[in-house]
C-alpha atoms as a PDB file:
ATOM      1  CA  UNK A   1      83.911  42.708-153.132  1.00  0.00           C
ATOM      2  CA  UNK A   2      85.520  42.085-149.678  1.00  0.00           C
ATOM      3  CA  UNK A   3      83.711  43.289-146.595  1.00  0.00           C
ATOM      4  CA  UNK A   4      85.276  46.242-144.727  1.00  0.00           C
ATOM      5  CA  UNK A   5      83.466  45.546-141.454  1.00  0.00           C
ATOM      6  CA  UNK A   6      85.726  44.762-138.522  1.00  0.00           C
ATOM      7  CA  UNK A   7      84.970  42.494-135.635  1.00  0.00           C
ATOM      8  CA  UNK A   8      85.901  43.691-132.184  1.00  0.00           C
ATOM      9  CA  UNK A   9      87.125  41.118-129.738  1.00  0.00           C
ATOM     10  CA  UNK A  10      87.080  41.917-126.029  1.00  0.00           C
ATOM     11  CA  UNK A  11      89.900  40.264-124.159  1.00  0.00           C
ATOM     12  CA  UNK A  12      89.169  39.715-120.488  1.00  0.00           C
ATOM     13  CA  UNK A  13      91.993  39.435-117.968  1.00  0.00           C
ATOM     14  CA  UNK A  14      92.720  35.930-116.835  1.00  0.00           C
ATOM     15  CA  UNK A  15      91.856  35.376-113.154  1.00  0.00           C
ATOM     16  CA  UNK A  16      94.870  34.868-110.991  1.00  0.00           C
ATOM     17  CA  UNK A  17      95.371  31.501-109.395  1.00  0.00           C
ATOM     18  CA  UNK A  18      97.843  32.724-106.805  1.00  0.00           C
ATOM     19  CA  UNK A  19      96.374  32.285-103.311  1.00  0.00           C
ATOM     20  CA  UNK A  20      97.581  35.712-102.110  1.00  0.00           C
ATOM     21  CA  UNK A  21      95.781  37.383-105.007  1.00  0.00           C
ATOM     22  CA  UNK A  22      92.527  35.658-104.114  1.00  0.00           C
ATOM     23  CA  UNK A  23      92.670  36.181-100.361  1.00  0.00           C
ATOM     24  CA  UNK A  24      95.241  38.733 -99.238  1.00  0.00           C
ATOM     25  CA  UNK A  25      96.941  37.839 -95.972  1.00  0.00           C
ATOM     26  CA  UNK A  26      95.892  39.872 -92.990  1.00  0.00           C
ATOM     27  CA  UNK A  27      98.600  42.161 -91.688  1.00  0.00           C
ATOM     28  CA  UNK A  28      98.692  42.822 -87.960  1.00  0.00           C
ATOM     29  CA  UNK A  29      98.390  46.473 -86.977  1.00  0.00           C
ATOM     30  CA  UNK A  30     101.911  46.377 -85.537  1.00  0.00           C
ATOM     31  CA  UNK A  31     103.263  45.881 -89.069  1.00  0.00           C
ATOM     32  CA  UNK A  32     101.322  48.729 -90.710  1.00  0.00           C
ATOM     33  CA  UNK A  33     103.800  51.087 -92.358  1.00  0.00           C
ATOM     34  CA  UNK A  34     103.627  54.709 -93.448  1.00  0.00           C
ATOM     35  CA  UNK A  35     105.980  56.244 -96.007  1.00  0.00           C
ATOM     36  CA  UNK A  36     107.937  59.468 -95.544  1.00  0.00           C
ATOM     37  CA  UNK A  37     105.851  61.818 -97.713  1.00  0.00           C
ATOM     38  CA  UNK A  38     102.543  60.748 -96.179  1.00  0.00           C
ATOM     39  CA  UNK A  39     103.915  60.872 -92.637  1.00  0.00           C
ATOM     40  CA  UNK A  40     105.368  64.350 -93.116  1.00  0.00           C
ATOM     41  CA  UNK A  41     102.061  65.529 -94.564  1.00  0.00           C
ATOM     42  CA  UNK A  42     100.073  64.096 -91.644  1.00  0.00           C
ATOM     43  CA  UNK A  43     102.430  65.673 -89.111  1.00  0.00           C
ATOM     44  CA  UNK A  44     102.370  68.918 -91.145  1.00  0.00           C
ATOM     45  CA  UNK A  45     106.135  69.138 -91.276  1.00  0.00           C
ATOM     46  CA  UNK A  46     108.702  69.091 -94.069  1.00  0.00           C
ATOM     47  CA  UNK A  47     110.217  65.718 -95.047  1.00  0.00           C
ATOM     48  CA  UNK A  48     113.670  67.127 -94.250  1.00  0.00           C
ATOM     49  CA  UNK A  49     112.514  68.043 -90.735  1.00  0.00           C
ATOM     50  CA  UNK A  50     111.293  64.478 -90.281  1.00  0.00           C
ATOM     51  CA  UNK A  51     114.678  63.056 -91.279  1.00  0.00           C
ATOM     52  CA  UNK A  52     116.515  65.573 -89.084  1.00  0.00           C
ATOM     53  CA  UNK A  53     114.391  64.548 -86.080  1.00  0.00           C
ATOM     54  CA  UNK A  54     115.339  60.913 -86.790  1.00  0.00           C
ATOM     55  CA  UNK A  55     119.055  61.735 -86.945  1.00  0.00           C
ATOM     56  CA  UNK A  56     118.800  63.720 -83.695  1.00  0.00           C
ATOM     57  CA  UNK A  57     116.929  60.899 -81.939  1.00  0.00           C
ATOM     58  CA  UNK A  58     113.767  62.994 -81.536  1.00  0.00           C
ATOM     59  CA  UNK A  59     111.613  60.644 -83.636  1.00  0.00           C
ATOM     60  CA  UNK A  60     111.449  56.843 -84.119  1.00  0.00           C
ATOM     61  CA  UNK A  61     113.917  55.408 -86.602  1.00  0.00           C
ATOM     62  CA  UNK A  62     112.509  54.383 -89.996  1.00  0.00           C
ATOM     63  CA  UNK A  63     112.671  50.939 -91.552  1.00  0.00           C
ATOM     64  CA  UNK A  64     114.637  50.834 -94.795  1.00  0.00           C
ATOM     65  CA  UNK A  65     112.559  48.975 -97.392  1.00  0.00           C
ATOM     66  CA  UNK A  66     115.030  49.458-100.227  1.00  0.00           C
ATOM     67  CA  UNK A  67     118.010  51.597-101.079  1.00  0.00           C
ATOM     68  CA  UNK A  68     115.837  54.696-101.455  1.00  0.00           C
ATOM     69  CA  UNK A  69     112.578  53.841 -99.663  1.00  0.00           C
ATOM     70  CA  UNK A  70     111.992  54.211 -95.933  1.00  0.00           C
ATOM     71  CA  UNK A  71     108.833  53.817 -93.849  1.00  0.00           C
ATOM     72  CA  UNK A  72     107.809  53.941 -90.208  1.00  0.00           C
ATOM     73  CA  UNK A  73     105.697  51.546 -88.152  1.00  0.00           C
ATOM     74  CA  UNK A  74     102.368  53.228 -87.505  1.00  0.00           C
ATOM     75  CA  UNK A  75     102.416  51.852 -83.942  1.00  0.00           C
ATOM     76  CA  UNK A  76     105.790  53.581 -83.276  1.00  0.00           C
ATOM     77  CA  UNK A  77     104.488  56.897 -84.603  1.00  0.00           C
ATOM     78  CA  UNK A  78     101.289  56.636 -82.536  1.00  0.00           C
ATOM     79  CA  UNK A  79     103.334  55.854 -79.418  1.00  0.00           C
ATOM     80  CA  UNK A  80     105.586  58.871 -80.083  1.00  0.00           C
ATOM     81  CA  UNK A  81     102.552  61.128 -80.529  1.00  0.00           C
ATOM     82  CA  UNK A  82     100.939  59.932 -77.287  1.00  0.00           C
ATOM     83  CA  UNK A  83     104.214  60.457 -75.372  1.00  0.00           C
ATOM     84  CA  UNK A  84     104.410  64.015 -76.705  1.00  0.00           C
ATOM     85  CA  UNK A  85     100.789  64.651 -75.744  1.00  0.00           C
ATOM     86  CA  UNK A  86     101.422  63.348 -72.200  1.00  0.00           C
ATOM     87  CA  UNK A  87     104.546  65.492 -71.760  1.00  0.00           C
ATOM     88  CA  UNK A  88     102.690  68.563 -73.046  1.00  0.00           C
ATOM     89  CA  UNK A  89      99.864  67.954 -70.559  1.00  0.00           C
ATOM     90  CA  UNK A  90     102.270  67.790 -67.594  1.00  0.00           C
END
């Protein structure tokens, strides 16, 4: 009579040989990006308000990453926040 026992084989992922997968390149702080939803949440404003401020020139312009994706340089946002803090203190 044939055996009904099954053997389980565990397949491990093959390690990547791509250099960037082994050691990711360091990204300078000036190139750190933040996406619209996260930025709006951190500023505690609506995403539409964020885009309106950009159109009106009240906020740094975003970088278009694709047809539908935009992001801002973290350094630009930090600079904008510090300028607002300085003008509020005056």
